[in-house]
N, C-alpha and C. Protein backbone atom coordinates (compact mmCIF):
# COMPACT_ATOMS: atom_id res chain seq x y z
N MET A 1 0.76 -1.21 0.04
CA MET A 1 0.04 -0.08 0.06
C MET A 1 0.79 1.31 0.04
N VAL A 2 0.53 2.29 -0.81
CA VAL A 2 1.22 3.49 -0.75
C VAL A 2 0.86 4.46 0.38
N HIS A 3 1.60 4.62 1.29
CA HIS A 3 1.60 5.62 2.32
C HIS A 3 2.83 6.45 2.25
N ARG A 4 2.73 7.73 2.50
CA ARG A 4 3.73 8.67 2.41
C ARG A 4 4.71 8.46 1.18
N HIS A 5 4.09 8.14 0.04
CA HIS A 5 4.66 7.96 -1.18
C HIS A 5 5.69 6.77 -1.41
N GLU A 6 5.48 5.83 -0.46
CA GLU A 6 6.32 4.57 -0.57
C GLU A 6 5.33 3.39 -0.26
N LEU A 7 5.59 2.37 -0.96
CA LEU A 7 4.82 1.11 -0.70
C LEU A 7 5.39 0.47 0.58
N ASP A 8 4.48 0.39 1.60
CA ASP A 8 5.04 -0.11 2.94
C ASP A 8 4.17 -1.39 3.42
N ARG A 9 3.17 -1.70 2.80
CA ARG A 9 2.44 -2.86 3.23
C ARG A 9 2.06 -3.76 2.02
N GLY A 10 1.98 -5.12 2.35
CA GLY A 10 1.71 -5.96 1.19
C GLY A 10 0.16 -6.11 0.99
N PRO A 11 -0.09 -6.64 -0.10
CA PRO A 11 -1.63 -6.84 -0.53
C PRO A 11 -2.28 -7.57 0.72
N GLY A 12 -3.34 -7.10 0.98
CA GLY A 12 -4.26 -7.73 1.96
C GLY A 12 -3.92 -7.34 3.43
N GLN A 13 -2.81 -6.62 3.47
CA GLN A 13 -2.29 -6.19 4.86
C GLN A 13 -2.77 -4.92 5.38
N ASP A 14 -3.71 -4.17 4.57
CA ASP A 14 -3.97 -2.80 4.89
C ASP A 14 -5.54 -2.76 4.78
N PRO A 15 -6.20 -2.46 5.91
CA PRO A 15 -7.71 -2.53 5.96
C PRO A 15 -8.32 -1.21 5.12
N LEU A 16 -7.37 -0.49 4.71
CA LEU A 16 -7.83 0.69 3.85
C LEU A 16 -7.77 0.51 2.34
N THR A 17 -7.51 -0.76 1.99
CA THR A 17 -7.44 -1.08 0.64
C THR A 17 -8.31 -2.26 0.17
N ALA A 18 -8.57 -2.31 -1.14
CA ALA A 18 -9.18 -3.47 -1.67
C ALA A 18 -8.32 -4.17 -2.70
N GLN A 19 -8.68 -5.33 -3.03
CA GLN A 19 -7.71 -5.96 -3.92
C GLN A 19 -8.59 -6.82 -4.96
N SER A 20 -8.26 -6.86 -6.08
CA SER A 20 -8.96 -7.61 -7.18
C SER A 20 -8.45 -9.19 -7.03
N PRO A 21 -9.19 -10.04 -7.66
CA PRO A 21 -8.61 -11.34 -7.93
C PRO A 21 -7.35 -11.27 -8.55
N LEU A 22 -6.58 -12.39 -8.51
CA LEU A 22 -5.30 -12.44 -9.30
C LEU A 22 -5.53 -12.00 -10.74
N ALA A 23 -4.82 -11.04 -11.24
CA ALA A 23 -4.86 -10.57 -12.50
C ALA A 23 -3.87 -11.01 -13.52
N GLU A 24 -2.60 -11.33 -12.97
CA GLU A 24 -1.47 -11.61 -13.91
C GLU A 24 -0.48 -12.49 -13.13
N GLN A 25 0.12 -13.44 -13.73
CA GLN A 25 1.22 -14.21 -13.17
C GLN A 25 2.24 -14.48 -14.18
N HIS A 26 3.49 -14.48 -13.74
CA HIS A 26 4.56 -14.73 -14.70
C HIS A 26 5.81 -15.12 -13.98
N PRO A 27 6.80 -15.74 -14.72
CA PRO A 27 8.04 -16.20 -14.07
C PRO A 27 8.99 -15.11 -13.56
N VAL A 28 9.84 -15.55 -12.79
CA VAL A 28 10.98 -14.60 -12.25
C VAL A 28 12.16 -14.97 -13.15
N GLU A 29 12.80 -13.93 -13.54
CA GLU A 29 14.15 -14.01 -14.32
C GLU A 29 15.27 -13.54 -13.54
N ARG A 30 16.52 -13.78 -14.13
CA ARG A 30 17.58 -13.00 -13.66
C ARG A 30 18.21 -12.23 -14.74
N VAL A 31 18.59 -10.95 -14.37
CA VAL A 31 19.15 -10.19 -15.36
C VAL A 31 20.62 -10.15 -15.12
N VAL A 32 21.39 -10.43 -16.18
CA VAL A 32 22.96 -10.35 -16.04
C VAL A 32 23.48 -9.61 -17.25
N GLY A 33 24.71 -9.30 -17.21
CA GLY A 33 25.35 -8.60 -18.33
C GLY A 33 25.70 -9.61 -19.41
N PRO A 34 25.87 -9.20 -20.64
CA PRO A 34 26.25 -10.24 -21.80
C PRO A 34 27.35 -11.07 -21.61
N GLY A 35 28.36 -10.64 -20.90
CA GLY A 35 29.52 -11.33 -20.64
C GLY A 35 29.64 -12.16 -19.42
N HIS A 36 28.51 -12.15 -18.63
CA HIS A 36 28.43 -12.86 -17.40
C HIS A 36 28.46 -14.33 -17.71
N ARG A 37 28.96 -15.14 -16.71
CA ARG A 37 29.13 -16.56 -16.86
C ARG A 37 27.74 -17.23 -16.95
N LEU A 38 26.67 -16.73 -16.49
CA LEU A 38 25.38 -17.30 -16.52
C LEU A 38 24.58 -16.92 -17.82
N ALA A 39 25.08 -15.98 -18.59
CA ALA A 39 24.34 -15.37 -19.61
C ALA A 39 23.88 -16.38 -20.68
N GLY A 40 24.69 -17.32 -20.93
CA GLY A 40 24.42 -18.39 -22.05
C GLY A 40 23.53 -19.50 -21.49
N ARG A 41 23.23 -19.61 -20.34
CA ARG A 41 22.48 -20.72 -19.65
C ARG A 41 21.00 -20.60 -20.11
N GLU A 42 20.38 -21.84 -20.31
CA GLU A 42 18.93 -21.84 -20.50
C GLU A 42 18.21 -21.40 -19.37
N SER A 43 18.63 -21.76 -18.20
CA SER A 43 18.01 -21.37 -16.88
C SER A 43 18.99 -21.43 -15.80
N VAL A 44 18.67 -20.83 -14.69
CA VAL A 44 19.54 -20.76 -13.50
C VAL A 44 18.61 -21.22 -12.38
N SER A 45 19.24 -21.25 -11.08
CA SER A 45 18.48 -21.54 -9.92
C SER A 45 18.78 -20.57 -8.76
N TYR A 46 17.95 -20.50 -7.70
CA TYR A 46 18.20 -19.70 -6.63
C TYR A 46 19.56 -20.05 -6.05
N GLU A 47 19.98 -21.24 -6.09
CA GLU A 47 21.23 -21.73 -5.55
C GLU A 47 22.43 -20.98 -6.20
N ASP A 48 22.32 -20.71 -7.56
CA ASP A 48 23.29 -20.03 -8.16
C ASP A 48 23.56 -18.66 -7.55
N LEU A 49 22.60 -18.04 -6.87
CA LEU A 49 22.77 -16.68 -6.31
C LEU A 49 23.77 -16.64 -5.32
N GLY A 50 24.19 -17.77 -4.72
CA GLY A 50 25.03 -17.91 -3.68
C GLY A 50 26.51 -17.65 -4.20
N ASP A 51 26.70 -17.67 -5.49
CA ASP A 51 27.99 -17.34 -6.16
C ASP A 51 28.02 -15.88 -6.78
N GLU A 52 27.01 -15.13 -6.42
CA GLU A 52 26.94 -13.86 -7.00
C GLU A 52 26.77 -12.77 -6.11
N THR A 53 26.72 -11.50 -6.54
CA THR A 53 26.48 -10.35 -5.87
C THR A 53 25.17 -9.81 -6.37
N VAL A 54 24.16 -9.55 -5.60
CA VAL A 54 22.91 -9.21 -5.93
C VAL A 54 22.60 -7.72 -5.41
N PHE A 55 21.92 -6.89 -6.07
CA PHE A 55 21.70 -5.48 -5.80
C PHE A 55 20.90 -5.57 -4.54
N GLY A 56 21.15 -4.53 -3.65
CA GLY A 56 20.14 -4.27 -2.63
C GLY A 56 19.32 -3.12 -2.90
N GLY A 57 18.45 -2.74 -2.06
CA GLY A 57 17.65 -1.63 -2.12
C GLY A 57 16.29 -1.79 -2.57
N ALA A 58 15.75 -2.83 -3.00
CA ALA A 58 14.47 -3.33 -3.37
C ALA A 58 13.51 -2.89 -2.32
N LYS A 59 12.44 -2.23 -2.70
CA LYS A 59 11.38 -1.92 -1.65
C LYS A 59 10.00 -2.33 -2.15
N PRO A 60 9.21 -2.59 -1.35
CA PRO A 60 9.25 -2.71 0.13
C PRO A 60 9.81 -3.98 0.55
N ASP A 61 10.02 -4.08 1.86
CA ASP A 61 10.77 -5.29 2.49
C ASP A 61 10.16 -6.61 2.07
N TYR A 62 8.83 -6.67 2.09
CA TYR A 62 8.27 -8.04 1.89
C TYR A 62 8.48 -8.47 0.41
N TRP A 63 8.54 -7.43 -0.54
CA TRP A 63 8.75 -7.60 -1.85
C TRP A 63 10.09 -8.16 -2.18
N ARG A 64 11.16 -7.35 -1.45
CA ARG A 64 12.55 -7.83 -1.69
C ARG A 64 12.75 -9.06 -1.02
N ASN A 65 12.21 -9.42 0.14
CA ASN A 65 12.42 -10.86 0.76
C ASN A 65 11.85 -11.90 -0.14
N TRP A 66 10.77 -11.69 -0.80
CA TRP A 66 10.25 -12.72 -1.64
C TRP A 66 11.14 -12.85 -2.83
N LEU A 67 11.56 -11.80 -3.48
CA LEU A 67 12.32 -11.90 -4.77
C LEU A 67 13.78 -12.29 -4.61
N VAL A 68 14.29 -11.72 -3.50
CA VAL A 68 15.80 -11.86 -3.25
C VAL A 68 16.02 -12.46 -1.79
N PRO A 69 15.83 -13.66 -1.54
CA PRO A 69 16.06 -14.40 -0.27
C PRO A 69 17.48 -14.18 0.26
N THR A 70 17.61 -14.17 1.52
CA THR A 70 18.93 -13.97 2.24
C THR A 70 19.85 -15.09 2.08
N HIS A 71 19.21 -16.31 1.73
CA HIS A 71 20.19 -17.48 1.63
C HIS A 71 19.59 -18.27 0.53
N THR A 72 20.57 -19.16 -0.14
CA THR A 72 20.07 -20.09 -1.04
C THR A 72 19.35 -21.22 -0.49
N PRO A 73 18.73 -22.14 -1.33
CA PRO A 73 18.06 -23.21 -0.92
C PRO A 73 18.79 -24.05 0.10
N SER A 74 20.15 -24.24 -0.12
CA SER A 74 21.13 -25.11 0.63
C SER A 74 21.57 -24.36 1.98
N GLY A 75 21.35 -23.00 2.07
CA GLY A 75 21.65 -22.25 3.26
C GLY A 75 22.84 -21.35 3.15
N ARG A 76 23.36 -21.28 1.93
CA ARG A 76 24.50 -20.38 1.65
C ARG A 76 23.98 -18.92 1.68
N PRO A 77 24.82 -17.91 2.21
CA PRO A 77 24.23 -16.64 2.28
C PRO A 77 24.26 -15.93 0.78
N ILE A 78 23.42 -15.01 0.51
CA ILE A 78 23.33 -14.39 -0.82
C ILE A 78 23.88 -12.97 -0.52
N ARG A 79 25.08 -12.73 -1.16
CA ARG A 79 25.77 -11.36 -0.91
C ARG A 79 24.88 -10.23 -1.52
N ILE A 80 24.67 -9.33 -0.71
CA ILE A 80 24.06 -8.03 -1.17
C ILE A 80 25.08 -6.92 -1.50
N GLY A 81 25.05 -6.43 -2.66
CA GLY A 81 26.02 -5.43 -3.02
C GLY A 81 25.53 -4.04 -3.02
N ARG A 82 25.76 -3.34 -3.94
CA ARG A 82 25.34 -1.86 -4.00
C ARG A 82 23.86 -1.67 -3.83
N ILE A 83 23.48 -0.67 -3.18
CA ILE A 83 22.04 -0.38 -3.04
C ILE A 83 21.71 0.44 -4.24
N VAL A 84 20.67 0.04 -4.85
CA VAL A 84 20.02 0.84 -6.05
C VAL A 84 18.63 1.22 -5.65
N THR A 85 18.18 2.29 -6.11
CA THR A 85 16.75 2.65 -5.68
C THR A 85 15.90 2.65 -6.89
N ASN A 86 16.34 2.44 -8.07
CA ASN A 86 15.52 2.45 -9.36
C ASN A 86 16.21 1.81 -10.37
N SER A 87 15.55 1.45 -11.52
CA SER A 87 16.09 0.66 -12.58
C SER A 87 17.11 1.42 -13.29
N ALA A 88 17.03 2.70 -13.35
CA ALA A 88 18.09 3.53 -14.10
C ALA A 88 19.37 3.45 -13.43
N GLU A 89 19.36 3.27 -12.18
CA GLU A 89 20.74 2.99 -11.39
C GLU A 89 21.11 1.67 -11.69
N MET A 90 20.40 0.70 -11.84
CA MET A 90 20.73 -0.73 -12.12
C MET A 90 21.22 -1.04 -13.39
N ILE A 91 20.66 -0.47 -14.46
CA ILE A 91 20.94 -0.63 -15.82
C ILE A 91 22.50 -0.74 -16.16
N PRO A 92 23.28 0.32 -15.95
CA PRO A 92 24.76 0.24 -16.27
C PRO A 92 25.49 -0.72 -15.31
N LEU A 93 25.07 -0.94 -14.14
CA LEU A 93 25.74 -1.92 -13.32
C LEU A 93 25.53 -3.41 -13.67
N VAL A 94 24.38 -3.63 -14.14
CA VAL A 94 24.19 -5.04 -14.82
C VAL A 94 25.00 -5.16 -15.92
N ALA A 95 25.02 -4.17 -16.87
CA ALA A 95 25.80 -4.33 -18.06
C ALA A 95 27.30 -4.51 -17.89
N ASN A 96 27.88 -3.92 -16.81
CA ASN A 96 29.21 -3.98 -16.61
C ASN A 96 29.62 -5.07 -15.76
N GLY A 97 28.54 -5.92 -15.33
CA GLY A 97 28.88 -7.25 -14.55
C GLY A 97 28.98 -6.94 -13.02
N GLU A 98 28.70 -5.68 -12.51
CA GLU A 98 28.99 -5.53 -11.14
C GLU A 98 28.09 -6.38 -10.12
N ALA A 99 26.95 -6.69 -10.63
CA ALA A 99 25.95 -7.41 -9.85
C ALA A 99 24.85 -8.03 -10.82
N VAL A 100 24.17 -8.92 -10.28
CA VAL A 100 22.98 -9.60 -11.02
C VAL A 100 21.72 -9.23 -10.25
N SER A 101 20.65 -9.51 -10.82
CA SER A 101 19.51 -9.12 -10.01
C SER A 101 18.23 -10.13 -10.68
N PRO A 102 17.55 -10.75 -9.62
CA PRO A 102 16.26 -11.18 -9.96
C PRO A 102 15.30 -10.09 -10.34
N CYS A 103 14.44 -10.41 -11.29
CA CYS A 103 13.42 -9.44 -11.71
C CYS A 103 12.33 -10.22 -12.17
N PHE A 104 11.18 -9.51 -12.37
CA PHE A 104 10.00 -9.99 -12.89
C PHE A 104 9.91 -10.05 -14.41
N ALA A 105 9.35 -11.06 -14.96
CA ALA A 105 9.53 -11.34 -16.43
C ALA A 105 8.95 -10.12 -17.24
N HIS A 106 8.07 -9.35 -16.75
CA HIS A 106 7.61 -8.15 -17.54
C HIS A 106 8.73 -7.19 -17.69
N SER A 107 9.88 -7.37 -17.05
CA SER A 107 11.06 -6.41 -17.24
C SER A 107 11.64 -6.63 -18.65
N ILE A 108 11.44 -7.87 -19.11
CA ILE A 108 11.95 -8.09 -20.47
C ILE A 108 11.25 -7.04 -21.46
N ARG A 109 10.08 -7.02 -21.30
CA ARG A 109 9.28 -6.14 -22.15
C ARG A 109 9.70 -4.65 -21.98
N TYR A 110 9.86 -4.15 -20.82
CA TYR A 110 10.09 -2.78 -20.61
C TYR A 110 11.48 -2.38 -20.53
N TYR A 111 12.51 -3.32 -20.25
CA TYR A 111 13.82 -3.00 -20.20
C TYR A 111 14.65 -3.82 -21.12
N ALA A 112 14.27 -4.28 -22.27
CA ALA A 112 15.02 -4.95 -23.29
C ALA A 112 16.11 -4.07 -23.68
N ARG A 113 17.29 -4.73 -23.59
CA ARG A 113 18.64 -3.92 -23.95
C ARG A 113 19.63 -4.86 -24.44
N PRO A 114 20.40 -4.50 -25.41
CA PRO A 114 21.45 -5.43 -25.83
C PRO A 114 22.59 -5.69 -24.86
N ASP A 115 22.63 -4.80 -23.78
CA ASP A 115 23.71 -5.19 -22.72
C ASP A 115 23.04 -5.89 -21.53
N HIS A 116 21.88 -6.32 -21.61
CA HIS A 116 21.22 -7.27 -20.59
C HIS A 116 20.82 -8.57 -21.18
N VAL A 117 21.04 -9.64 -20.39
CA VAL A 117 20.45 -10.98 -20.79
C VAL A 117 19.56 -11.34 -19.66
N TYR A 118 18.30 -11.84 -20.00
CA TYR A 118 17.46 -12.42 -19.03
C TYR A 118 17.43 -13.96 -19.03
N VAL A 119 17.55 -14.45 -17.83
CA VAL A 119 17.76 -16.02 -17.83
C VAL A 119 16.61 -16.39 -16.74
N PRO A 120 15.83 -17.27 -17.14
CA PRO A 120 14.76 -17.80 -16.19
C PRO A 120 15.29 -18.44 -14.93
N ILE A 121 14.80 -18.18 -13.82
CA ILE A 121 15.04 -18.94 -12.57
C ILE A 121 14.13 -19.97 -12.42
N ARG A 122 14.61 -21.27 -12.70
CA ARG A 122 13.63 -22.43 -12.82
C ARG A 122 13.04 -22.81 -11.41
N ASP A 123 13.64 -22.42 -10.39
CA ASP A 123 13.04 -22.84 -9.03
C ASP A 123 12.34 -21.69 -8.30
N ALA A 124 12.12 -20.59 -9.00
CA ALA A 124 11.49 -19.45 -8.45
C ALA A 124 9.94 -19.72 -8.63
N PRO A 125 9.13 -19.33 -7.61
CA PRO A 125 7.72 -19.44 -7.70
C PRO A 125 7.30 -18.35 -8.75
N LEU A 126 6.00 -18.57 -9.33
CA LEU A 126 5.47 -17.47 -10.28
C LEU A 126 5.19 -16.23 -9.37
N ALA A 127 5.41 -15.20 -10.08
CA ALA A 127 4.98 -13.94 -9.50
C ALA A 127 3.44 -13.67 -9.79
N HIS A 128 2.78 -13.24 -8.80
CA HIS A 128 1.32 -12.95 -8.81
C HIS A 128 1.06 -11.52 -8.68
N TRP A 129 0.19 -11.01 -9.55
CA TRP A 129 -0.20 -9.52 -9.53
C TRP A 129 -1.64 -9.34 -9.49
N ALA A 130 -2.09 -8.38 -8.79
CA ALA A 130 -3.56 -8.05 -8.50
C ALA A 130 -3.64 -6.53 -8.59
N LEU A 131 -4.84 -6.02 -8.80
CA LEU A 131 -5.07 -4.67 -8.74
C LEU A 131 -5.39 -4.26 -7.28
N ILE A 132 -4.84 -3.12 -6.77
CA ILE A 132 -5.03 -2.76 -5.35
C ILE A 132 -5.43 -1.32 -5.44
N TRP A 133 -6.28 -0.84 -4.67
CA TRP A 133 -6.73 0.61 -4.62
C TRP A 133 -7.23 0.88 -3.15
N ARG A 134 -7.10 2.25 -2.94
CA ARG A 134 -7.60 2.77 -1.62
C ARG A 134 -9.11 2.80 -1.70
N THR A 135 -9.63 2.21 -0.73
CA THR A 135 -11.14 2.14 -0.62
C THR A 135 -11.67 3.54 -0.38
N SER A 136 -11.06 4.41 0.22
CA SER A 136 -11.48 5.79 0.36
C SER A 136 -11.70 6.53 -0.91
N THR A 137 -10.92 6.16 -1.89
CA THR A 137 -11.17 6.81 -3.21
C THR A 137 -11.77 5.88 -4.30
N GLU A 138 -12.32 4.91 -3.89
CA GLU A 138 -12.91 3.90 -4.89
C GLU A 138 -14.16 4.69 -5.54
N THR A 139 -14.21 4.41 -6.86
CA THR A 139 -15.25 4.98 -7.67
C THR A 139 -15.84 3.81 -8.49
N SER A 140 -17.01 4.15 -9.24
CA SER A 140 -17.58 3.12 -10.07
C SER A 140 -16.66 2.71 -11.21
N LEU A 141 -15.85 3.71 -11.62
CA LEU A 141 -14.87 3.37 -12.74
C LEU A 141 -13.77 2.40 -12.27
N ILE A 142 -13.37 2.50 -11.00
CA ILE A 142 -12.34 1.55 -10.44
C ILE A 142 -12.99 0.21 -10.32
N ARG A 143 -14.24 0.15 -9.81
CA ARG A 143 -15.07 -1.13 -9.67
C ARG A 143 -15.16 -1.86 -11.01
N GLU A 144 -15.61 -1.08 -12.03
CA GLU A 144 -15.64 -1.52 -13.31
C GLU A 144 -14.38 -2.13 -13.92
N PHE A 145 -13.37 -1.47 -13.74
CA PHE A 145 -12.10 -1.78 -14.23
C PHE A 145 -11.66 -3.17 -13.50
N ALA A 146 -11.81 -3.21 -12.19
CA ALA A 146 -11.50 -4.40 -11.42
C ALA A 146 -12.39 -5.59 -12.03
N GLU A 147 -13.61 -5.23 -12.25
CA GLU A 147 -14.52 -6.22 -12.79
C GLU A 147 -14.03 -6.85 -14.11
N ALA A 148 -13.74 -5.89 -14.99
CA ALA A 148 -13.23 -6.22 -16.44
C ALA A 148 -12.01 -7.09 -16.28
N ALA A 149 -11.08 -6.76 -15.34
CA ALA A 149 -9.82 -7.58 -15.09
C ALA A 149 -10.18 -8.97 -14.64
N ARG A 150 -11.23 -9.03 -13.72
CA ARG A 150 -11.68 -10.42 -13.32
C ARG A 150 -12.19 -11.16 -14.44
N ASP A 151 -13.02 -10.60 -15.25
CA ASP A 151 -13.74 -11.19 -16.31
C ASP A 151 -12.60 -11.71 -17.34
N LEU A 152 -11.62 -11.02 -17.61
CA LEU A 152 -10.59 -11.40 -18.49
C LEU A 152 -9.83 -12.65 -17.90
N GLY A 153 -9.71 -12.81 -16.66
CA GLY A 153 -9.05 -13.93 -16.09
C GLY A 153 -7.60 -13.52 -15.92
N VAL A 154 -6.75 -14.57 -15.37
CA VAL A 154 -5.45 -14.39 -15.23
C VAL A 154 -4.62 -14.34 -16.54
N ILE A 155 -3.79 -13.29 -16.75
CA ILE A 155 -2.97 -13.26 -17.80
C ILE A 155 -1.56 -13.79 -17.49
N ALA A 156 -1.16 -14.67 -18.17
CA ALA A 156 0.16 -15.39 -17.97
C ALA A 156 1.16 -15.12 -19.02
N LEU A 157 2.32 -14.56 -18.66
CA LEU A 157 3.34 -14.18 -19.60
C LEU A 157 4.13 -15.44 -19.96
């Protein structure tokens, strides 16, 4: 939920919000530079993160903890490197190989670049997305939009 211009509560955790049914789901990828040792792989695993440095700074905490766990499945710590606060800061650092980052598959659509390679994380759960809105500002247009999304069903990338 957005409070004070930052997302600080997860879906269903704020009594001042409403949430639509699941609207979209898609895989989690890892973005690496083209010269990175994992760039040519068909897929990678969360275990591979134990050998890498991952960006820090993703907000909110529940989102970061879901996307970038603190340890690999076998218990090895995942090194957190430079803190970035937006994609623009991350783009050149991925390209030069300073760090890697798990990301949502829709990033491929919005951040396709010749100096980035997206590799599926085969053991990552699917990311689920829903519409969320403040109940205090709910309008018939918002309800109709949420109903249309529900009628379309889950979009899978």
